[in-house]
């Protein structure tokens, strides 16, 4: 409701000859609106996880192991191959 010049007004309503407020449009009589295809329907969704996985890291293994002792230890343990004492080259 809003007022103008001391009179009350309701959007979508009017006063009849007796001063009662009545709707200008009956509600719910219109059929639902039908929409066509959207412009974004043909665009595939963006996959940020795949994008990060395919991103190339700008660091060498030497830089990685020098900066982080945890990675150095994991790399050393993963590539270490114990030899038996009796084995000779």
N, C-alpha and C. Protein backbone atom coordinates (compact mmCIF):
# COMPACT_ATOMS: atom_id res chain seq x y z
N UNK A 1 0.85 -1.17 0.00
CA UNK A 1 0.00 0.00 0.00
C UNK A 1 0.90 1.24 0.00
N UNK A 2 0.46 2.25 -0.74
CA UNK A 2 1.13 3.53 -0.68
C UNK A 2 0.06 4.62 -0.70
N UNK A 3 0.43 5.80 -0.25
CA UNK A 3 -0.54 6.89 -0.17
C UNK A 3 -0.14 8.01 -1.12
N UNK A 4 -1.16 8.66 -1.64
CA UNK A 4 -0.94 9.80 -2.51
C UNK A 4 -2.07 10.79 -2.26
N UNK A 5 -1.70 11.98 -1.87
CA UNK A 5 -2.67 13.04 -1.56
C UNK A 5 -3.66 12.59 -0.50
N UNK A 6 -3.18 11.85 0.50
CA UNK A 6 -4.03 11.41 1.61
C UNK A 6 -4.91 10.22 1.29
N UNK A 7 -4.82 9.65 0.08
CA UNK A 7 -5.63 8.49 -0.29
C UNK A 7 -4.73 7.26 -0.34
N UNK A 8 -5.31 6.11 0.01
CA UNK A 8 -4.56 4.85 -0.01
C UNK A 8 -4.69 4.20 -1.37
N UNK A 9 -3.58 3.65 -1.85
CA UNK A 9 -3.57 2.94 -3.13
C UNK A 9 -2.91 1.58 -2.92
N UNK A 10 -3.46 0.55 -3.54
CA UNK A 10 -2.91 -0.80 -3.50
C UNK A 10 -2.56 -1.20 -4.92
N UNK A 11 -1.33 -1.66 -5.16
CA UNK A 11 -0.96 -2.07 -6.52
C UNK A 11 -1.81 -3.27 -6.97
N UNK A 12 -2.33 -3.20 -8.18
CA UNK A 12 -3.15 -4.28 -8.73
C UNK A 12 -4.57 -4.29 -8.22
N UNK A 13 -5.01 -3.22 -7.54
CA UNK A 13 -6.37 -3.17 -7.01
C UNK A 13 -6.99 -1.80 -7.30
N UNK A 14 -8.29 -1.76 -7.26
CA UNK A 14 -9.02 -0.50 -7.45
C UNK A 14 -10.22 -0.49 -6.52
N UNK A 15 -10.81 0.67 -6.33
CA UNK A 15 -12.00 0.77 -5.49
C UNK A 15 -13.25 0.70 -6.37
N UNK A 16 -14.23 -0.09 -5.92
CA UNK A 16 -15.49 -0.15 -6.66
C UNK A 16 -16.40 1.01 -6.25
N UNK A 17 -17.64 1.01 -6.74
CA UNK A 17 -18.55 2.14 -6.46
C UNK A 17 -18.93 2.26 -4.99
N UNK A 18 -18.73 1.17 -4.19
CA UNK A 18 -19.06 1.21 -2.76
C UNK A 18 -17.84 1.56 -1.90
N UNK A 19 -16.68 1.71 -2.53
CA UNK A 19 -15.47 2.03 -1.79
C UNK A 19 -14.68 0.81 -1.34
N UNK A 20 -15.10 -0.39 -1.76
CA UNK A 20 -14.37 -1.62 -1.41
C UNK A 20 -13.22 -1.84 -2.40
N UNK A 21 -12.15 -2.41 -1.89
CA UNK A 21 -11.00 -2.70 -2.76
C UNK A 21 -11.22 -4.03 -3.46
N UNK A 22 -11.10 -4.04 -4.79
CA UNK A 22 -11.23 -5.26 -5.60
C UNK A 22 -10.03 -5.37 -6.52
N UNK A 23 -9.69 -6.61 -6.86
CA UNK A 23 -8.54 -6.84 -7.75
C UNK A 23 -8.89 -6.42 -9.16
N UNK A 24 -7.90 -5.86 -9.84
CA UNK A 24 -8.12 -5.49 -11.24
C UNK A 24 -7.97 -6.71 -12.14
N UNK A 25 -7.13 -7.68 -11.75
CA UNK A 25 -6.97 -8.92 -12.50
C UNK A 25 -7.29 -10.09 -11.58
N UNK A 26 -8.09 -11.02 -12.02
CA UNK A 26 -8.30 -12.20 -11.18
C UNK A 26 -7.00 -13.02 -11.13
N UNK A 27 -6.66 -13.50 -9.94
CA UNK A 27 -5.39 -14.22 -9.78
C UNK A 27 -5.57 -15.69 -10.15
N UNK A 28 -4.54 -16.24 -10.77
CA UNK A 28 -4.52 -17.67 -11.07
C UNK A 28 -5.28 -18.08 -12.31
N UNK A 29 -5.79 -17.15 -13.11
CA UNK A 29 -6.54 -17.53 -14.30
C UNK A 29 -5.65 -17.61 -15.53
N UNK A 30 -4.44 -17.07 -15.44
CA UNK A 30 -3.54 -17.11 -16.59
C UNK A 30 -2.84 -18.46 -16.66
N UNK A 31 -2.58 -18.94 -17.88
CA UNK A 31 -1.84 -20.19 -18.02
C UNK A 31 -0.36 -19.90 -17.78
N UNK A 32 0.38 -20.90 -17.31
CA UNK A 32 1.80 -20.65 -17.02
C UNK A 32 2.58 -20.31 -18.29
N UNK A 33 3.57 -19.47 -18.13
CA UNK A 33 4.38 -19.02 -19.25
C UNK A 33 5.31 -20.15 -19.70
N UNK A 34 5.43 -20.34 -21.00
CA UNK A 34 6.32 -21.36 -21.55
C UNK A 34 7.56 -20.68 -22.12
N UNK A 35 8.71 -21.23 -21.80
CA UNK A 35 9.97 -20.66 -22.24
C UNK A 35 10.63 -21.59 -23.25
N UNK A 36 11.35 -21.01 -24.18
CA UNK A 36 12.10 -21.78 -25.15
C UNK A 36 13.44 -22.22 -24.58
N UNK A 37 14.29 -22.79 -25.42
CA UNK A 37 15.61 -23.23 -24.92
C UNK A 37 16.47 -22.04 -24.53
N UNK A 38 17.29 -22.23 -23.53
CA UNK A 38 18.17 -21.17 -23.06
C UNK A 38 19.44 -21.13 -23.91
N UNK A 39 20.08 -19.97 -23.92
CA UNK A 39 21.33 -19.83 -24.65
C UNK A 39 22.46 -20.64 -24.01
N UNK A 40 22.38 -20.87 -22.71
CA UNK A 40 23.44 -21.57 -21.99
C UNK A 40 23.27 -23.08 -21.99
N UNK A 41 22.24 -23.60 -22.64
CA UNK A 41 22.02 -25.06 -22.62
C UNK A 41 23.12 -25.82 -23.38
N UNK A 42 23.67 -25.23 -24.43
CA UNK A 42 24.68 -25.92 -25.23
C UNK A 42 26.09 -25.78 -24.70
N UNK A 43 26.29 -25.01 -23.65
CA UNK A 43 27.64 -24.79 -23.11
C UNK A 43 27.93 -25.83 -22.04
N UNK A 44 29.04 -26.59 -22.15
CA UNK A 44 29.36 -27.58 -21.13
C UNK A 44 29.74 -26.90 -19.82
N UNK A 45 29.50 -27.55 -18.68
CA UNK A 45 29.86 -26.93 -17.39
C UNK A 45 31.38 -26.88 -17.21
N UNK A 46 31.84 -25.89 -16.47
CA UNK A 46 33.27 -25.72 -16.23
C UNK A 46 33.74 -26.68 -15.14
N UNK A 47 34.85 -27.37 -15.38
CA UNK A 47 35.40 -28.33 -14.43
C UNK A 47 36.70 -27.77 -13.87
N UNK A 48 36.62 -27.17 -12.69
CA UNK A 48 37.81 -26.55 -12.10
C UNK A 48 38.80 -27.60 -11.60
N UNK A 49 38.30 -28.76 -11.15
CA UNK A 49 39.20 -29.81 -10.66
C UNK A 49 40.06 -30.34 -11.79
N UNK A 50 39.46 -30.60 -12.93
CA UNK A 50 40.22 -31.07 -14.08
C UNK A 50 41.22 -30.03 -14.56
N UNK A 51 40.84 -28.77 -14.47
CA UNK A 51 41.73 -27.69 -14.89
C UNK A 51 42.95 -27.61 -13.98
N UNK A 52 42.74 -27.76 -12.67
CA UNK A 52 43.87 -27.72 -11.73
C UNK A 52 44.75 -28.96 -11.89
N UNK A 53 44.14 -30.12 -12.15
CA UNK A 53 44.93 -31.34 -12.34
C UNK A 53 45.81 -31.26 -13.58
N UNK A 54 45.35 -30.60 -14.61
CA UNK A 54 46.10 -30.51 -15.86
C UNK A 54 47.06 -29.32 -15.89
N UNK A 55 47.12 -28.56 -14.81
CA UNK A 55 47.99 -27.39 -14.75
C UNK A 55 49.43 -27.84 -14.49
N UNK A 56 50.36 -27.28 -15.22
CA UNK A 56 51.76 -27.64 -15.06
C UNK A 56 52.38 -26.83 -13.92
N UNK A 57 53.08 -27.52 -13.03
CA UNK A 57 53.75 -26.85 -11.91
C UNK A 57 55.08 -26.28 -12.39
N UNK A 58 55.38 -25.08 -12.00
CA UNK A 58 56.60 -24.40 -12.42
C UNK A 58 57.66 -24.58 -11.34
N UNK A 59 58.05 -25.85 -11.07
CA UNK A 59 59.05 -26.15 -10.04
C UNK A 59 59.75 -27.44 -10.44
N UNK A 60 61.04 -27.55 -10.09
CA UNK A 60 61.80 -28.77 -10.37
C UNK A 60 61.80 -29.66 -9.13
N UNK A 61 62.18 -30.90 -9.31
CA UNK A 61 62.25 -31.82 -8.16
C UNK A 61 63.29 -31.36 -7.16
N UNK A 62 64.40 -30.80 -7.62
CA UNK A 62 65.42 -30.28 -6.72
C UNK A 62 64.90 -29.14 -5.87
N UNK A 63 64.16 -28.22 -6.48
CA UNK A 63 63.58 -27.11 -5.72
C UNK A 63 62.56 -27.62 -4.72
N UNK A 64 61.78 -28.61 -5.12
CA UNK A 64 60.75 -29.15 -4.24
C UNK A 64 61.35 -29.83 -3.02
N UNK A 65 62.39 -30.63 -3.22
CA UNK A 65 63.00 -31.35 -2.09
C UNK A 65 63.82 -30.42 -1.21
N UNK A 66 64.42 -29.38 -1.77
CA UNK A 66 65.20 -28.43 -0.96
C UNK A 66 64.30 -27.58 -0.07
N UNK A 67 63.12 -27.25 -0.54
CA UNK A 67 62.22 -26.39 0.21
C UNK A 67 61.43 -27.13 1.27
N UNK A 68 61.19 -28.42 1.08
CA UNK A 68 60.32 -29.15 1.99
C UNK A 68 60.98 -30.47 2.37
N UNK A 69 61.36 -30.61 3.62
CA UNK A 69 62.03 -31.84 4.07
C UNK A 69 61.08 -33.03 4.05
N UNK A 70 59.81 -32.80 4.21
CA UNK A 70 58.84 -33.90 4.17
C UNK A 70 58.84 -34.55 2.79
N UNK A 71 58.82 -33.73 1.74
CA UNK A 71 58.84 -34.27 0.38
C UNK A 71 60.19 -34.94 0.09
N UNK A 72 61.28 -34.37 0.64
CA UNK A 72 62.60 -34.97 0.45
C UNK A 72 62.64 -36.38 1.06
N UNK A 73 62.09 -36.52 2.24
CA UNK A 73 62.07 -37.82 2.92
C UNK A 73 61.20 -38.82 2.14
N UNK A 74 60.02 -38.38 1.69
CA UNK A 74 59.13 -39.27 0.94
C UNK A 74 59.78 -39.72 -0.36
N UNK A 75 60.45 -38.81 -1.05
CA UNK A 75 61.11 -39.16 -2.31
C UNK A 75 62.29 -40.09 -2.08
N UNK A 76 63.05 -39.85 -1.02
CA UNK A 76 64.20 -40.71 -0.71
C UNK A 76 63.73 -42.12 -0.35
N UNK A 77 62.67 -42.22 0.47
CA UNK A 77 62.17 -43.54 0.87
C UNK A 77 61.50 -44.26 -0.30
N UNK A 78 60.88 -43.50 -1.19
CA UNK A 78 60.20 -44.12 -2.33
C UNK A 78 61.15 -44.62 -3.39
N UNK A 79 62.31 -44.00 -3.51
CA UNK A 79 63.26 -44.40 -4.55
C UNK A 79 64.40 -45.26 -4.00
N UNK A 80 64.50 -45.40 -2.71
CA UNK A 80 65.58 -46.20 -2.12
C UNK A 80 65.33 -47.68 -2.35
N UNK A 81 66.35 -48.38 -2.84
CA UNK A 81 66.25 -49.81 -3.05
C UNK A 81 67.35 -50.51 -2.24
N UNK A 82 66.97 -51.13 -1.15
CA UNK A 82 68.02 -51.77 -0.34
C UNK A 82 68.66 -52.93 -1.09
N UNK A 83 69.96 -53.05 -0.93
CA UNK A 83 70.72 -54.15 -1.56
C UNK A 83 71.19 -55.11 -0.47
N UNK A 84 71.31 -56.33 -0.86
CA UNK A 84 71.82 -57.29 0.12
C UNK A 84 73.35 -57.14 0.19
N UNK A 85 73.92 -57.56 1.29
CA UNK A 85 75.35 -57.41 1.52
C UNK A 85 76.15 -58.27 0.55
N UNK A 86 75.65 -59.43 0.21
CA UNK A 86 76.39 -60.36 -0.65
C UNK A 86 76.32 -60.00 -2.12
N UNK A 87 75.44 -59.11 -2.50
CA UNK A 87 75.27 -58.78 -3.91
C UNK A 87 76.41 -57.86 -4.35
N UNK A 88 77.02 -58.21 -5.45
CA UNK A 88 78.10 -57.38 -6.00
C UNK A 88 77.71 -56.96 -7.40
N UNK A 89 78.20 -55.80 -7.83
CA UNK A 89 77.87 -55.30 -9.16
C UNK A 89 78.62 -56.07 -10.16
